[in-house]
Amino acid sequence: MAAAGSAPAGKSPLGRIGTHLAVLFFVAVWTLPTLGILVTSIRDKDQIIASGWWTAFTSSAQTEAGRLPAPNKAVEKDGKFVLEGNLFEEPGSRAISAFGTRPQAPTQYPAGPPADLGDGETLLINEDGSFVMTYPAAQDSDRGRRIYYSATVPPRFTSENYETVLFSEGIGRSFINSLTVTIPATVIPIMIAAFAAYALAWMKFPGRALLIATVIGLLVVPLQMALIPLLQLYNGVGAFFGVPSKTYLGIWLAHTGFGLPFAIYLLRSYMAGLPRELMESARIDGASDFEIFIKIVLPLSFPVLASFAIFQFLWVWNDLLVAMVFLGSGSDQLVLTGKLNALLGSRGGDWEILTTSAFVTIIVPLLVFFSLQRYFVRGLLAGSVKGG
């Protein structure tokens, strides 16, 4: 018995503060990378290389390079030959603070006053990128001088990254392929497992305990170990019936087979914890097992069904191995994870493409999780205390 005046177990102020801090920590650990991917995916590609995503909403200083027009294009003015123009395609798009003529000293001269380059040549570069290059005599060189400068660049955001990913890189087709694989591969095992779980929880028949033990044993079978035998079995059956090997039906059946043991175990644990009085009252009223399952058990089992749907959707959506084996790697068959893997191999330095592709990949699982998350914990915990 707790001492008089002491706080109930788990209700102390320090315990509550610690819990809140732990929750905030894990929320931050999960949210910050996602926020970084989102921000990077809408930034200009030059700014992605120059600075981190946390600086996206502030101006950043970066060193750039440009080239002046050819000296032979200088125009004579007051006895000197002058070149005028602007270093930027969009004047005023950034502010130059200093410049130089050598990569080792890109900030040798301040912007504003003319800089003496020697041999009577001067160069004036203003903050907005406009310049005046002066020569003491006519020049016949057709190669402009290389200029380096330090510029303050305002934040720039663009939708071009998403246009490139969705329309130029073939991600759109792969996105549809992933949906075509994932939705049936989530619904089919739920439909089968719900019937099997009810039978194992509430119906008496010979071999019931052996089936339950078999389901539990299948939970520990590695996917990689069963993949080749399953593929051989599928190809053998498909050849017998004349079914092509690389079809959506094959990958649906594969994901159904790999997802069924966990689905049956989870649903059976939940259904076995439902009140026995409900089943007995329904049977007294003349309800059959099918009617009890459809009208009583299934509506009460929605939280655990939603929990498994989240798990199965995430597993299938993020899968690459099963998709490559059962569906193939052709341009019309490649799922989203396979397309992103190809992008990582050929576009490893294009961060704007990679981050945009990554966010396109995670947006659908995020929508599924947040739409069903209120059932998630309730479905996992239900049935964990009382079992049948």
Protein backbone atom coordinates (compact mmCIF):
# COMPACT_ATOMS: atom_id res chain seq x y z
CA MET A 1 0.00 0.00 0.00
CA ALA A 2 1.35 3.44 -0.92
CA ALA A 3 2.35 5.76 1.90
CA ALA A 4 -0.13 8.49 2.83
CA GLY A 5 0.24 11.63 0.76
CA SER A 6 2.37 9.94 -1.91
CA ALA A 7 1.43 10.33 -5.57
CA PRO A 8 -0.19 7.36 -7.33
CA ALA A 9 2.17 5.19 -9.36
CA GLY A 10 2.93 6.76 -12.72
CA LYS A 11 1.34 10.07 -11.75
CA SER A 12 4.31 11.93 -10.30
CA PRO A 13 5.20 15.30 -11.90
CA LEU A 14 8.67 14.07 -12.80
CA GLY A 15 7.21 10.99 -14.48
CA ARG A 16 4.78 13.06 -16.55
CA ILE A 17 7.53 15.50 -17.58
CA GLY A 18 9.81 12.62 -18.55
CA THR A 19 7.05 11.03 -20.62
CA HIS A 20 6.30 14.29 -22.40
CA LEU A 21 9.98 14.90 -23.13
CA ALA A 22 10.41 11.38 -24.50
CA VAL A 23 7.37 11.80 -26.75
CA LEU A 24 8.63 15.17 -28.00
CA PHE A 25 12.06 13.68 -28.68
CA PHE A 26 10.71 10.83 -30.80
CA VAL A 27 8.30 13.15 -32.62
CA ALA A 28 11.22 15.46 -33.47
CA VAL A 29 13.42 12.56 -34.57
CA TRP A 30 10.65 11.35 -36.88
CA THR A 31 9.47 14.76 -38.13
CA LEU A 32 12.71 16.65 -38.81
CA PRO A 33 14.03 14.35 -41.57
CA THR A 34 10.62 14.38 -43.27
CA LEU A 35 10.49 18.17 -43.06
CA GLY A 36 14.02 18.35 -44.47
CA ILE A 37 13.05 16.17 -47.44
CA LEU A 38 9.98 18.33 -48.13
CA VAL A 39 11.86 21.63 -47.97
CA THR A 40 14.74 20.34 -50.10
CA SER A 41 12.35 19.00 -52.72
CA ILE A 42 11.01 22.51 -53.46
CA ARG A 43 14.33 24.39 -53.33
CA ASP A 44 16.39 25.56 -56.28
CA LYS A 45 19.04 22.97 -57.18
CA ASP A 46 21.92 25.48 -56.91
CA GLN A 47 20.90 26.41 -53.36
CA ILE A 48 20.61 22.74 -52.35
CA ILE A 49 24.29 22.28 -53.17
CA ALA A 50 25.36 25.51 -51.47
CA SER A 51 23.50 25.30 -48.13
CA GLY A 52 21.46 23.01 -45.88
CA TRP A 53 17.67 22.85 -45.88
CA TRP A 54 17.46 24.62 -42.49
CA THR A 55 18.75 27.80 -44.22
CA ALA A 56 16.08 27.63 -46.92
CA PHE A 57 14.08 30.59 -45.60
CA THR A 58 17.04 32.96 -45.18
CA SER A 59 19.45 34.51 -47.65
CA SER A 60 22.67 32.56 -48.07
CA ALA A 61 26.16 33.61 -49.20
CA GLN A 62 27.81 31.51 -51.86
CA THR A 63 30.74 31.79 -54.25
CA GLU A 64 29.94 31.69 -57.94
CA ALA A 65 31.74 32.20 -61.22
CA GLY A 66 30.96 34.06 -64.42
CA ARG A 67 32.64 35.23 -67.59
CA LEU A 68 32.82 38.72 -69.08
CA PRO A 69 32.18 39.27 -72.81
CA ALA A 70 35.10 38.97 -75.22
CA PRO A 71 37.51 41.96 -75.04
CA ASN A 72 37.28 42.52 -78.80
CA LYS A 73 33.68 43.62 -78.26
CA ALA A 74 34.74 46.64 -76.20
CA VAL A 75 33.39 50.01 -77.42
CA GLU A 76 35.58 53.13 -77.52
CA LYS A 77 34.53 55.88 -75.10
CA ASP A 78 36.57 58.97 -74.19
CA GLY A 79 39.77 57.44 -75.50
CA LYS A 80 39.29 54.09 -73.70
CA PHE A 81 37.63 50.82 -74.67
CA VAL A 82 34.73 49.80 -72.45
CA LEU A 83 32.71 46.65 -71.92
CA GLU A 84 29.37 46.97 -70.09
CA GLY A 85 26.72 44.45 -69.10
CA ASN A 86 25.40 42.32 -66.28
CA LEU A 87 26.69 39.06 -64.89
CA PHE A 88 23.16 37.81 -64.16
CA GLU A 89 20.47 36.74 -66.59
CA GLU A 90 18.03 38.27 -64.11
CA PRO A 91 19.58 41.54 -62.88
CA GLY A 92 19.14 42.00 -59.13
CA SER A 93 18.46 38.31 -58.50
CA ARG A 94 21.35 38.33 -55.99
CA ALA A 95 23.65 40.84 -54.32
CA ILE A 96 27.42 40.74 -54.94
CA SER A 97 29.56 41.74 -51.97
CA ALA A 98 33.05 41.10 -53.39
CA PHE A 99 34.75 39.69 -56.47
CA GLY A 100 38.10 38.50 -57.80
CA THR A 101 39.82 37.27 -60.94
CA ARG A 102 41.36 34.14 -59.41
CA PRO A 103 39.58 31.15 -57.84
CA GLN A 104 42.01 31.31 -54.91
CA ALA A 105 40.85 34.88 -54.09
CA PRO A 106 37.16 35.23 -55.06
CA THR A 107 36.69 38.19 -52.65
CA GLN A 108 39.83 40.17 -53.49
CA TYR A 109 37.99 43.37 -54.45
CA PRO A 110 34.87 44.86 -52.84
CA ALA A 111 31.79 45.48 -54.99
CA GLY A 112 31.16 49.13 -55.89
CA PRO A 113 34.52 50.91 -56.42
CA PRO A 114 36.62 50.17 -59.57
CA ALA A 115 39.38 47.59 -59.11
CA ASP A 116 42.78 48.07 -60.72
CA LEU A 117 43.67 44.83 -62.55
CA GLY A 118 47.03 46.10 -63.82
CA ASP A 119 48.23 47.13 -67.28
CA GLY A 120 45.75 50.00 -67.20
CA GLU A 121 42.72 47.71 -66.96
CA THR A 122 39.99 48.41 -64.40
CA LEU A 123 36.85 46.49 -63.48
CA LEU A 124 33.84 47.81 -61.61
CA ILE A 125 31.17 45.36 -60.45
CA ASN A 126 28.11 46.62 -58.61
CA GLU A 127 25.94 44.71 -56.13
CA ASP A 128 23.23 44.08 -58.74
CA GLY A 129 25.71 42.35 -61.09
CA SER A 130 26.22 45.24 -63.53
CA PHE A 131 29.85 45.75 -64.55
CA VAL A 132 32.12 48.13 -66.44
CA MET A 133 35.43 46.76 -67.79
CA THR A 134 37.87 49.34 -69.12
CA TYR A 135 40.87 48.70 -71.40
CA PRO A 136 43.54 51.29 -72.32
CA ALA A 137 43.60 50.14 -75.96
CA ALA A 138 41.68 48.00 -78.43
CA GLN A 139 41.78 44.26 -77.78
CA ASP A 140 41.73 41.41 -80.31
CA SER A 141 41.10 38.54 -77.87
CA ASP A 142 37.81 36.70 -78.31
CA ARG A 143 37.86 35.03 -74.86
CA GLY A 144 36.31 36.89 -71.94
CA ARG A 145 37.92 37.13 -68.53
CA ARG A 146 36.78 34.68 -65.86
CA ILE A 147 35.28 36.37 -62.78
CA TYR A 148 34.62 34.93 -59.33
CA TYR A 149 32.35 36.62 -56.83
CA SER A 150 30.65 36.19 -53.48
CA ALA A 151 26.90 36.75 -53.71
CA THR A 152 24.06 36.83 -51.22
CA VAL A 153 21.22 34.79 -52.68
CA PRO A 154 17.62 35.16 -51.47
CA PRO A 155 15.55 32.01 -50.89
CA ARG A 156 14.26 30.44 -54.09
CA PHE A 157 11.56 27.79 -54.29
CA THR A 158 10.35 26.02 -57.39
CA SER A 159 7.93 23.36 -58.57
CA GLU A 160 10.25 22.29 -61.40
CA ASN A 161 11.62 19.42 -59.30
CA TYR A 162 8.19 17.81 -59.06
CA GLU A 163 7.50 18.43 -62.74
CA THR A 164 10.77 16.70 -63.61
CA VAL A 165 10.10 13.73 -61.34
CA LEU A 166 6.45 13.18 -62.19
CA PHE A 167 6.65 13.75 -65.95
CA SER A 168 10.25 13.47 -67.17
CA GLU A 169 11.66 10.62 -65.08
CA GLY A 170 8.86 8.08 -65.48
CA ILE A 171 7.95 8.16 -61.79
CA GLY A 172 4.29 8.68 -62.60
CA ARG A 173 4.01 5.28 -64.26
CA SER A 174 5.88 3.60 -61.42
CA PHE A 175 3.59 5.36 -58.92
CA ILE A 176 0.54 3.81 -60.60
CA ASN A 177 2.27 0.40 -60.65
CA SER A 178 2.90 0.64 -56.89
CA LEU A 179 -0.75 1.46 -56.22
CA THR A 180 -1.83 -1.43 -58.46
CA VAL A 181 0.35 -3.79 -56.43
CA THR A 182 -0.24 -2.40 -52.94
CA ILE A 183 -4.02 -1.96 -52.74
CA PRO A 184 -5.00 -5.55 -53.70
CA ALA A 185 -2.03 -6.95 -51.75
CA THR A 186 -3.44 -5.21 -48.66
CA VAL A 187 -7.11 -6.09 -49.13
CA ILE A 188 -6.72 -9.78 -50.12
CA PRO A 189 -4.85 -10.98 -46.98
CA ILE A 190 -7.27 -9.06 -44.74
CA MET A 191 -10.24 -10.82 -46.33
CA ILE A 192 -8.68 -14.26 -46.00
CA ALA A 193 -7.18 -13.72 -42.55
CA ALA A 194 -10.43 -12.41 -41.07
CA PHE A 195 -12.27 -15.66 -41.85
CA ALA A 196 -9.33 -17.80 -40.72
CA ALA A 197 -8.91 -15.85 -37.48
CA TYR A 198 -12.58 -16.23 -36.56
CA ALA A 199 -12.44 -19.96 -37.22
CA LEU A 200 -9.32 -20.38 -35.08
CA ALA A 201 -10.76 -18.24 -32.28
CA TRP A 202 -14.37 -19.46 -31.96
CA MET A 203 -14.92 -22.64 -33.96
CA LYS A 204 -14.10 -26.10 -32.60
CA PHE A 205 -12.66 -28.57 -35.13
CA PRO A 206 -9.90 -31.23 -35.18
CA GLY A 207 -6.38 -29.91 -35.68
CA ARG A 208 -7.24 -26.38 -34.52
CA ALA A 209 -4.34 -26.19 -32.04
CA LEU A 210 -1.92 -27.53 -34.68
CA LEU A 211 -3.02 -24.85 -37.13
CA ILE A 212 -2.51 -22.12 -34.54
CA ALA A 213 0.98 -23.45 -33.81
CA THR A 214 1.75 -23.56 -37.54
CA VAL A 215 0.68 -19.93 -37.98
CA ILE A 216 2.89 -18.87 -35.07
CA GLY A 217 5.79 -20.86 -36.52
CA LEU A 218 5.41 -19.19 -39.93
CA LEU A 219 5.92 -15.79 -38.30
CA VAL A 220 9.64 -16.49 -37.92
CA VAL A 221 10.26 -17.77 -41.48
CA PRO A 222 12.46 -15.19 -43.28
CA LEU A 223 11.04 -13.84 -46.50
CA GLN A 224 14.36 -14.35 -48.27
CA MET A 225 14.36 -18.07 -47.38
CA ALA A 226 10.87 -18.70 -48.74
CA LEU A 227 11.14 -16.48 -51.82
CA ILE A 228 12.88 -18.91 -54.21
CA PRO A 229 10.75 -21.99 -53.32
CA LEU A 230 7.62 -19.86 -53.65
CA LEU A 231 8.76 -18.55 -57.03
CA GLN A 232 9.48 -22.07 -58.27
CA LEU A 233 6.07 -23.26 -57.09
CA TYR A 234 4.32 -20.32 -58.74
CA ASN A 235 6.18 -20.78 -62.03
CA GLY A 236 5.39 -24.51 -62.02
CA VAL A 237 1.68 -23.96 -61.40
CA GLY A 238 1.61 -21.08 -63.88
CA ALA A 239 3.27 -23.17 -66.59
CA PHE A 240 0.73 -25.95 -66.01
CA PHE A 241 -2.22 -23.58 -66.44
CA GLY A 242 -0.55 -21.40 -69.06
CA VAL A 243 -0.32 -18.29 -66.85
CA PRO A 244 2.57 -15.84 -67.56
CA SER A 245 5.17 -15.63 -64.80
CA LYS A 246 5.49 -11.83 -64.54
CA THR A 247 1.97 -10.65 -63.69
CA TYR A 248 0.24 -8.65 -61.00
CA LEU A 249 -1.56 -11.82 -59.89
CA GLY A 250 1.76 -13.38 -58.94
CA ILE A 251 2.91 -10.50 -56.76
CA TRP A 252 -0.54 -10.22 -55.14
CA LEU A 253 -0.39 -13.89 -54.17
CA ALA A 254 3.20 -13.56 -52.97
CA HIS A 255 2.45 -10.62 -50.68
CA THR A 256 -0.71 -12.37 -49.50
CA GLY A 257 1.30 -15.45 -48.55
CA PHE A 258 3.96 -13.46 -46.71
CA GLY A 259 1.38 -11.31 -44.90
CA LEU A 260 -1.13 -13.99 -43.87
CA PRO A 261 0.69 -15.47 -40.81
CA PHE A 262 0.96 -12.11 -39.05
CA ALA A 263 -2.56 -11.12 -40.12
CA ILE A 264 -4.11 -14.34 -38.79
CA TYR A 265 -2.12 -14.15 -35.55
CA LEU A 266 -3.05 -10.50 -34.92
CA LEU A 267 -6.75 -10.88 -35.81
CA ARG A 268 -7.12 -14.16 -33.94
CA SER A 269 -5.66 -12.61 -30.76
CA TYR A 270 -8.15 -9.77 -31.01
CA MET A 271 -11.20 -11.87 -31.83
CA ALA A 272 -10.42 -14.35 -29.06
CA GLY A 273 -10.66 -11.46 -26.58
CA LEU A 274 -14.20 -10.48 -27.57
CA PRO A 275 -16.89 -11.23 -24.94
CA ARG A 276 -18.03 -14.84 -25.10
CA GLU A 277 -21.52 -13.79 -24.04
CA LEU A 278 -22.04 -12.03 -27.40
CA MET A 279 -21.37 -15.24 -29.31
CA GLU A 280 -23.51 -17.40 -27.03
CA SER A 281 -26.43 -14.94 -27.17
CA ALA A 282 -26.25 -14.86 -30.95
CA ARG A 283 -26.20 -18.66 -31.17
CA ILE A 284 -29.21 -18.90 -28.83
CA ASP A 285 -31.04 -16.53 -31.19
CA GLY A 286 -30.29 -18.92 -34.06
CA ALA A 287 -27.43 -17.08 -35.75
CA SER A 288 -24.99 -19.15 -37.75
CA ASP A 289 -21.21 -18.75 -37.54
CA PHE A 290 -21.23 -16.76 -40.78
CA GLU A 291 -23.89 -14.38 -39.46
CA ILE A 292 -22.02 -13.96 -36.15
CA PHE A 293 -18.83 -13.18 -38.08
CA ILE A 294 -20.44 -10.68 -40.47
CA LYS A 295 -22.80 -8.89 -38.07
CA ILE A 296 -20.92 -9.00 -34.75
CA VAL A 297 -17.24 -9.92 -34.99
CA LEU A 298 -16.31 -8.01 -38.14
CA PRO A 299 -17.72 -4.61 -37.03
CA LEU A 300 -16.06 -4.99 -33.61
CA SER A 301 -12.75 -5.93 -35.25
CA PHE A 302 -12.36 -2.77 -37.32
CA PRO A 303 -9.53 -1.34 -35.14
CA VAL A 304 -7.34 -4.41 -35.58
CA LEU A 305 -8.19 -4.62 -39.27
CA ALA A 306 -7.06 -1.02 -39.67
CA SER A 307 -3.88 -1.75 -37.73
CA PHE A 308 -2.94 -4.63 -39.99
CA ALA A 309 -3.89 -2.61 -43.08
CA ILE A 310 -1.34 0.04 -42.07
CA PHE A 311 1.38 -2.57 -41.56
CA GLN A 312 0.65 -4.42 -44.78
CA PHE A 313 0.35 -1.24 -46.85
CA LEU A 314 3.71 0.05 -45.61
CA TRP A 315 5.44 -3.29 -46.16
CA VAL A 316 4.16 -3.71 -49.71
CA TRP A 317 4.59 -0.05 -50.69
CA ASN A 318 8.24 -0.04 -49.59
CA ASP A 319 9.03 -3.47 -51.04
CA LEU A 320 11.57 -3.87 -53.81
CA LEU A 321 12.75 -7.50 -53.62
CA VAL A 322 9.38 -9.24 -54.11
CA ALA A 323 8.39 -6.75 -56.82
CA MET A 324 11.59 -7.34 -58.79
CA VAL A 325 11.22 -11.15 -58.54
CA PHE A 326 7.50 -11.56 -59.26
CA LEU A 327 6.76 -8.49 -61.41
CA GLY A 328 10.02 -7.73 -63.20
CA SER A 329 12.08 -4.63 -63.87
CA GLY A 330 10.71 -3.48 -67.23
CA SER A 331 9.74 0.15 -67.70
CA ASP A 332 6.04 -0.77 -67.68
CA GLN A 333 6.39 -3.04 -64.63
CA LEU A 334 8.83 -1.18 -62.38
CA VAL A 335 7.32 -0.09 -59.06
CA LEU A 336 8.16 3.18 -57.36
CA THR A 337 10.92 1.78 -55.13
CA GLY A 338 12.56 0.21 -58.19
CA LYS A 339 12.43 3.49 -60.10
CA LEU A 340 13.98 5.34 -57.19
CA ASN A 341 16.71 2.72 -56.99
CA ALA A 342 17.48 3.38 -60.66
CA LEU A 343 17.60 7.11 -59.97
CA LEU A 344 20.04 6.56 -57.12
CA GLY A 345 22.31 4.71 -59.51
CA SER A 346 22.28 7.24 -62.34
CA ARG A 347 21.45 10.54 -60.66
CA GLY A 348 23.35 10.26 -57.38
CA GLY A 349 24.41 13.93 -57.38
CA ASP A 350 21.03 15.43 -58.26
CA TRP A 351 19.70 15.97 -54.76
CA GLU A 352 16.66 17.88 -55.99
CA ILE A 353 15.57 14.78 -57.96
CA LEU A 354 16.29 12.34 -55.15
CA THR A 355 14.55 14.30 -52.39
CA THR A 356 11.52 15.00 -54.56
CA SER A 357 11.28 11.32 -55.46
CA ALA A 358 11.61 10.34 -51.80
CA PHE A 359 8.80 12.67 -50.76
CA VAL A 360 6.57 11.41 -53.56
CA THR A 361 7.23 7.92 -52.18
CA ILE A 362 6.36 8.66 -48.55
CA ILE A 363 3.35 10.92 -49.08
CA VAL A 364 0.93 8.03 -49.72
CA PRO A 365 1.98 5.96 -46.65
CA LEU A 366 1.73 9.13 -44.55
CA LEU A 367 -1.83 9.73 -45.74
CA VAL A 368 -2.77 6.11 -45.01
CA PHE A 369 -1.19 6.18 -41.56
CA PHE A 370 -2.74 9.47 -40.45
CA SER A 371 -6.17 8.48 -41.73
CA LEU A 372 -6.09 5.23 -39.70
CA GLN A 373 -3.75 6.08 -36.83
CA ARG A 374 -6.56 6.51 -34.26
CA TYR A 375 -7.26 2.77 -34.62
CA PHE A 376 -3.60 1.78 -34.69
CA VAL A 377 -2.69 1.47 -30.98
CA ARG A 378 -6.18 0.34 -30.00
CA GLY A 379 -6.03 -2.47 -32.54
CA LEU A 380 -2.57 -3.63 -31.44
CA LEU A 381 -3.33 -3.61 -27.72
CA ALA A 382 -6.80 -5.13 -27.92
CA GLY A 383 -6.74 -8.81 -27.15
CA SER A 384 -3.29 -8.68 -25.58
CA VAL A 385 -4.62 -9.33 -22.05
CA LYS A 386 -7.38 -11.83 -22.60
CA GLY A 387 -6.92 -14.66 -25.09
CA GLY A 388 -9.03 -17.58 -26.26
